[in-house]
Amino acid sequence: MARLLLKRGEPVALLVMIDTYPPGRRKQAPFKDRIIIHYDNLRPMSGKQRLNYVQVRWNQYLLHFSRLPILGGLLPWTIPPEKRHFAVSRLARYNYDPAPYPGDMLLIRASERPEYMNWDPMENWPAYVSGALQSYPVQGRHDSILFEPYVQDLARVLEGQITKALAGL
């Protein structure tokens, strides 16, 4: 969106990504760790929740392989119609490889990562930003930084950055 605004001659005072992974393929936990992760996720669930969890993961697996030309026709037949919009969106994300953004970007990052994640999932952002890339950690995990009490830390960082950007206009 910021790139389109610039192309139209509109100013972009501040581009912020909130714990957003960069485009392209992401690193995965080793297979052994993924088994443990799924087991830990499934353990507290009811039977219906487990079935839904397995169906979602199976669809993700099929989606991954549907990117291969020989299997591309599988997508419409393997994923229920009510969930295809999610699958198509994910497939588009897998295949999206944007040109670098020509301006600066602020990356707000969750400070807590799962213990199995011994790599930086944000490490590829410099390939997609030509300007300065600032990174600010905020308290919480990827799935909690938008909720109390962690959202307070996020709001503080955003407020400071928005104030600074508006002062520069």
C-alpha atoms as a PDB file:
ATOM      1  CA  MET A   1       0.000   0.000   0.000  1.00  0.00           C
ATOM      2  CA  ALA A   2       2.795   2.443   0.874  1.00  0.00           C
ATOM      3  CA  ARG A   3       4.504   1.726  -2.430  1.00  0.00           C
ATOM      4  CA  LEU A   4       1.248   2.424  -4.323  1.00  0.00           C
ATOM      5  CA  LEU A   5       0.787   5.715  -2.474  1.00  0.00           C
ATOM      6  CA  LEU A   6       4.309   6.805  -3.408  1.00  0.00           C
ATOM      7  CA  LYS A   7       3.698   5.813  -7.010  1.00  0.00           C
ATOM      8  CA  ARG A   8       0.648   8.099  -7.023  1.00  0.00           C
ATOM      9  CA  GLY A   9       2.735  10.967  -5.647  1.00  0.00           C
ATOM     10  CA  GLU A  10       1.255  10.780  -2.142  1.00  0.00           C
ATOM     11  CA  PRO A  11       3.580  11.163   0.854  1.00  0.00           C
ATOM     12  CA  VAL A  12       4.038   8.296   3.283  1.00  0.00           C
ATOM     13  CA  ALA A  13       4.965   9.794   6.631  1.00  0.00           C
ATOM     14  CA  LEU A  14       5.332   6.458   8.415  1.00  0.00           C
ATOM     15  CA  LEU A  15       5.238   2.821   7.362  1.00  0.00           C
ATOM     16  CA  VAL A  16       4.769   0.490  10.329  1.00  0.00           C
ATOM     17  CA  MET A  17       4.707  -3.288  10.379  1.00  0.00           C
ATOM     18  CA  ILE A  18       3.486  -4.828  13.623  1.00  0.00           C
ATOM     19  CA  ASP A  19       5.287  -8.146  14.137  1.00  0.00           C
ATOM     20  CA  THR A  20       4.786  -8.932  10.464  1.00  0.00           C
ATOM     21  CA  TYR A  21       6.916 -11.608   8.862  1.00  0.00           C
ATOM     22  CA  PRO A  22       8.633 -10.585   5.636  1.00  0.00           C
ATOM     23  CA  PRO A  23       7.363 -11.916   2.302  1.00  0.00           C
ATOM     24  CA  GLY A  24       8.601 -15.229   0.974  1.00  0.00           C
ATOM     25  CA  ARG A  25       9.234 -18.575   2.486  1.00  0.00           C
ATOM     26  CA  ARG A  26       9.801 -18.703   6.232  1.00  0.00           C
ATOM     27  CA  LYS A  27      12.115 -20.914   8.185  1.00  0.00           C
ATOM     28  CA  GLN A  28      10.464 -23.817   9.975  1.00  0.00           C
ATOM     29  CA  ALA A  29      11.256 -25.541  13.225  1.00  0.00           C
ATOM     30  CA  PRO A  30      13.010 -28.887  12.745  1.00  0.00           C
ATOM     31  CA  PHE A  31      10.610 -31.789  12.085  1.00  0.00           C
ATOM     32  CA  LYS A  32      11.112 -33.275  15.558  1.00  0.00           C
ATOM     33  CA  ASP A  33      10.229 -29.942  17.176  1.00  0.00           C
ATOM     34  CA  ARG A  34       7.146 -29.543  14.963  1.00  0.00           C
ATOM     35  CA  ILE A  35       5.846 -32.916  16.187  1.00  0.00           C
ATOM     36  CA  ILE A  36       6.278 -31.747  19.787  1.00  0.00           C
ATOM     37  CA  ILE A  37       4.596 -28.422  18.986  1.00  0.00           C
ATOM     38  CA  HIS A  38       1.574 -30.149  17.444  1.00  0.00           C
ATOM     39  CA  TYR A  39       1.361 -32.589  20.350  1.00  0.00           C
ATOM     40  CA  ASP A  40       1.459 -29.708  22.856  1.00  0.00           C
ATOM     41  CA  ASN A  41      -1.196 -27.841  20.855  1.00  0.00           C
ATOM     42  CA  LEU A  42      -3.494 -30.878  20.610  1.00  0.00           C
ATOM     43  CA  ARG A  43      -3.195 -32.081  24.208  1.00  0.00           C
ATOM     44  CA  PRO A  44      -5.593 -29.587  25.883  1.00  0.00           C
ATOM     45  CA  MET A  45      -8.179 -29.658  23.050  1.00  0.00           C
ATOM     46  CA  SER A  46     -11.529 -31.426  22.917  1.00  0.00           C
ATOM     47  CA  GLY A  47     -12.241 -34.012  20.210  1.00  0.00           C
ATOM     48  CA  LYS A  48     -13.943 -31.515  17.877  1.00  0.00           C
ATOM     49  CA  GLN A  49     -11.156 -28.958  18.365  1.00  0.00           C
ATOM     50  CA  ARG A  50      -8.551 -31.626  17.603  1.00  0.00           C
ATOM     51  CA  LEU A  51     -10.345 -32.610  14.410  1.00  0.00           C
ATOM     52  CA  ASN A  52     -10.505 -28.973  13.294  1.00  0.00           C
ATOM     53  CA  TYR A  53      -6.814 -28.480  14.154  1.00  0.00           C
ATOM     54  CA  VAL A  54      -5.820 -31.535  12.083  1.00  0.00           C
ATOM     55  CA  GLN A  55      -8.026 -30.410   9.163  1.00  0.00           C
ATOM     56  CA  VAL A  56      -6.476 -26.925   9.150  1.00  0.00           C
ATOM     57  CA  ARG A  57      -2.945 -28.348   9.274  1.00  0.00           C
ATOM     58  CA  TRP A  58      -3.757 -30.874   6.537  1.00  0.00           C
ATOM     59  CA  ASN A  59      -5.110 -28.082   4.323  1.00  0.00           C
ATOM     60  CA  GLN A  60      -1.942 -26.078   4.935  1.00  0.00           C
ATOM     61  CA  TYR A  61       0.126 -29.116   3.964  1.00  0.00           C
ATOM     62  CA  LEU A  62      -1.854 -29.585   0.748  1.00  0.00           C
ATOM     63  CA  LEU A  63      -1.649 -25.890   0.035  1.00  0.00           C
ATOM     64  CA  HIS A  64       2.118 -26.027   0.343  1.00  0.00           C
ATOM     65  CA  PHE A  65       2.312 -28.781  -2.253  1.00  0.00           C
ATOM     66  CA  SER A  66      -0.359 -27.285  -4.507  1.00  0.00           C
ATOM     67  CA  ARG A  67       2.246 -24.698  -5.505  1.00  0.00           C
ATOM     68  CA  LEU A  68       3.902 -27.422  -7.579  1.00  0.00           C
ATOM     69  CA  PRO A  69       2.567 -27.246 -11.160  1.00  0.00           C
ATOM     70  CA  ILE A  70       1.669 -30.926 -11.266  1.00  0.00           C
ATOM     71  CA  LEU A  71      -0.478 -30.611  -8.109  1.00  0.00           C
ATOM     72  CA  GLY A  72      -1.906 -27.133  -8.699  1.00  0.00           C
ATOM     73  CA  GLY A  73      -5.363 -28.476  -9.526  1.00  0.00           C
ATOM     74  CA  LEU A  74      -5.701 -30.010  -6.064  1.00  0.00           C
ATOM     75  CA  LEU A  75      -6.557 -26.776  -4.297  1.00  0.00           C
ATOM     76  CA  PRO A  76     -10.218 -26.496  -5.346  1.00  0.00           C
ATOM     77  CA  TRP A  77     -10.931 -30.158  -4.622  1.00  0.00           C
ATOM     78  CA  THR A  78      -9.214 -30.610  -1.268  1.00  0.00           C
ATOM     79  CA  ILE A  79     -10.279 -27.549   0.716  1.00  0.00           C
ATOM     80  CA  PRO A  80     -13.919 -26.996   1.717  1.00  0.00           C
ATOM     81  CA  PRO A  81     -15.543 -24.064  -0.142  1.00  0.00           C
ATOM     82  CA  GLU A  82     -16.040 -22.029   3.047  1.00  0.00           C
ATOM     83  CA  LYS A  83     -12.271 -22.112   3.723  1.00  0.00           C
ATOM     84  CA  ARG A  84     -10.946 -21.524   0.197  1.00  0.00           C
ATOM     85  CA  HIS A  85     -10.610 -17.770   0.662  1.00  0.00           C
ATOM     86  CA  PHE A  86      -8.075 -18.418   3.436  1.00  0.00           C
ATOM     87  CA  ALA A  87      -6.216 -20.938   1.283  1.00  0.00           C
ATOM     88  CA  VAL A  88      -6.100 -18.637  -1.734  1.00  0.00           C
ATOM     89  CA  SER A  89      -4.883 -15.785   0.481  1.00  0.00           C
ATOM     90  CA  ARG A  90      -2.107 -17.967   1.896  1.00  0.00           C
ATOM     91  CA  LEU A  91      -1.130 -19.173  -1.576  1.00  0.00           C
ATOM     92  CA  ALA A  92      -0.903 -15.550  -2.755  1.00  0.00           C
ATOM     93  CA  ARG A  93       1.325 -14.750   0.234  1.00  0.00           C
ATOM     94  CA  TYR A  94       3.617 -17.682  -0.580  1.00  0.00           C
ATOM     95  CA  ASN A  95       4.054 -16.438  -4.134  1.00  0.00           C
ATOM     96  CA  TYR A  96       4.299 -12.707  -3.411  1.00  0.00           C
ATOM     97  CA  ASP A  97       7.773 -11.308  -3.960  1.00  0.00           C
ATOM     98  CA  PRO A  98       7.564  -7.507  -3.894  1.00  0.00           C
ATOM     99  CA  ALA A  99      10.224  -5.067  -4.976  1.00  0.00           C
ATOM    100  CA  PRO A 100      11.920  -3.293  -2.053  1.00  0.00           C
ATOM    101  CA  TYR A 101      10.001  -0.413  -0.516  1.00  0.00           C
ATOM    102  CA  PRO A 102      11.983   2.750  -1.361  1.00  0.00           C
ATOM    103  CA  GLY A 103      11.358   4.497   1.973  1.00  0.00           C
ATOM    104  CA  ASP A 104      11.924   3.877   5.663  1.00  0.00           C
ATOM    105  CA  MET A 105      10.066   1.289   7.699  1.00  0.00           C
ATOM    106  CA  LEU A 106       9.390   0.798  11.377  1.00  0.00           C
ATOM    107  CA  LEU A 107       9.167  -2.837  12.449  1.00  0.00           C
ATOM    108  CA  ILE A 108       7.544  -3.391  15.820  1.00  0.00           C
ATOM    109  CA  ARG A 109       8.500  -6.844  17.065  1.00  0.00           C
ATOM    110  CA  ALA A 110       7.128  -9.080  19.777  1.00  0.00           C
ATOM    111  CA  SER A 111       9.926  -9.658  22.284  1.00  0.00           C
ATOM    112  CA  GLU A 112       8.845 -13.193  23.201  1.00  0.00           C
ATOM    113  CA  ARG A 113       9.271 -16.058  20.748  1.00  0.00           C
ATOM    114  CA  PRO A 114       8.456 -19.737  21.197  1.00  0.00           C
ATOM    115  CA  GLU A 115      11.353 -21.674  22.694  1.00  0.00           C
ATOM    116  CA  TYR A 116      11.766 -23.792  19.558  1.00  0.00           C
ATOM    117  CA  MET A 117      12.278 -20.671  17.410  1.00  0.00           C
ATOM    118  CA  ASN A 118      16.036 -20.279  17.630  1.00  0.00           C
ATOM    119  CA  TRP A 119      16.229 -18.036  14.567  1.00  0.00           C
ATOM    120  CA  ASP A 120      15.046 -14.530  13.803  1.00  0.00           C
ATOM    121  CA  PRO A 121      11.839 -14.723  11.718  1.00  0.00           C
ATOM    122  CA  MET A 122      12.311 -11.073  10.742  1.00  0.00           C
ATOM    123  CA  GLU A 123      15.845 -11.463   9.398  1.00  0.00           C
ATOM    124  CA  ASN A 124      14.842 -11.071   5.724  1.00  0.00           C
ATOM    125  CA  TRP A 125      13.180  -7.638   6.067  1.00  0.00           C
ATOM    126  CA  PRO A 126      16.287  -5.689   4.912  1.00  0.00           C
ATOM    127  CA  ALA A 127      15.849  -7.242   1.450  1.00  0.00           C
ATOM    128  CA  TYR A 128      12.442  -5.542   1.175  1.00  0.00           C
ATOM    129  CA  VAL A 129      13.283  -2.048   2.470  1.00  0.00           C
ATOM    130  CA  SER A 130      15.663   0.281   0.630  1.00  0.00           C
ATOM    131  CA  GLY A 131      15.498   3.024   3.262  1.00  0.00           C
ATOM    132  CA  ALA A 132      16.202   2.827   6.964  1.00  0.00           C
ATOM    133  CA  LEU A 133      14.748  -0.118   8.848  1.00  0.00           C
ATOM    134  CA  GLN A 134      14.119   0.620  12.524  1.00  0.00           C
ATOM    135  CA  SER A 135      13.135  -2.185  14.842  1.00  0.00           C
ATOM    136  CA  TYR A 136      11.439  -1.766  18.217  1.00  0.00           C
ATOM    137  CA  PRO A 137      10.699  -4.679  20.529  1.00  0.00           C
ATOM    138  CA  VAL A 138       7.470  -4.624  22.528  1.00  0.00           C
ATOM    139  CA  GLN A 139       6.447  -6.911  25.356  1.00  0.00           C
ATOM    140  CA  GLY A 140       4.473 -10.023  24.499  1.00  0.00           C
ATOM    141  CA  ARG A 141       4.201 -12.730  21.868  1.00  0.00           C
ATOM    142  CA  HIS A 142       3.046 -12.519  18.257  1.00  0.00           C
ATOM    143  CA  ASP A 143      -0.471 -13.515  19.294  1.00  0.00           C
ATOM    144  CA  SER A 144      -0.675 -11.282  22.398  1.00  0.00           C
ATOM    145  CA  ILE A 145       0.816  -7.853  21.610  1.00  0.00           C
ATOM    146  CA  LEU A 146      -2.562  -6.448  20.520  1.00  0.00           C
ATOM    147  CA  PHE A 147      -4.199  -7.350  23.843  1.00  0.00           C
ATOM    148  CA  GLU A 148      -3.943  -6.172  27.455  1.00  0.00           C
ATOM    149  CA  PRO A 149      -1.552  -5.717  29.121  1.00  0.00           C
ATOM    150  CA  TYR A 150       0.909  -5.839  26.208  1.00  0.00           C
ATOM    151  CA  VAL A 151      -0.992  -3.431  23.971  1.00  0.00           C
ATOM    152  CA  GLN A 152       0.039  -0.609  26.318  1.00  0.00           C
ATOM    153  CA  ASP A 153       3.685  -1.060  25.313  1.00  0.00           C
ATOM    154  CA  LEU A 154       2.696  -1.189  21.635  1.00  0.00           C
ATOM    155  CA  ALA A 155       0.593   1.992  22.006  1.00  0.00           C
ATOM    156  CA  ARG A 156       3.500   3.809  23.657  1.00  0.00           C
ATOM    157  CA  VAL A 157       5.862   2.996  20.782  1.00  0.00           C
ATOM    158  CA  LEU A 158       3.272   3.857  18.115  1.00  0.00           C
ATOM    159  CA  GLU A 159       2.344   7.129  19.795  1.00  0.00           C
ATOM    160  CA  GLY A 160       5.983   8.229  19.918  1.00  0.00           C
ATOM    161  CA  GLN A 161       6.645   7.279  16.303  1.00  0.00           C
ATOM    162  CA  ILE A 162       3.450   8.886  14.982  1.00  0.00           C
ATOM    163  CA  THR A 163       4.232  12.102  16.889  1.00  0.00           C
ATOM    164  CA  LYS A 164       7.743  12.137  15.400  1.00  0.00           C
ATOM    165  CA  ALA A 165       6.420  11.468  11.870  1.00  0.00           C
ATOM    166  CA  LEU A 166       3.787  14.212  12.121  1.00  0.00           C
ATOM    167  CA  ALA A 167       6.402  16.690  13.335  1.00  0.00           C
ATOM    168  CA  GLY A 168       8.403  15.960  10.177  1.00  0.00           C
ATOM    169  CA  LEU A 169       5.540  16.842   7.804  1.00  0.00           C
END
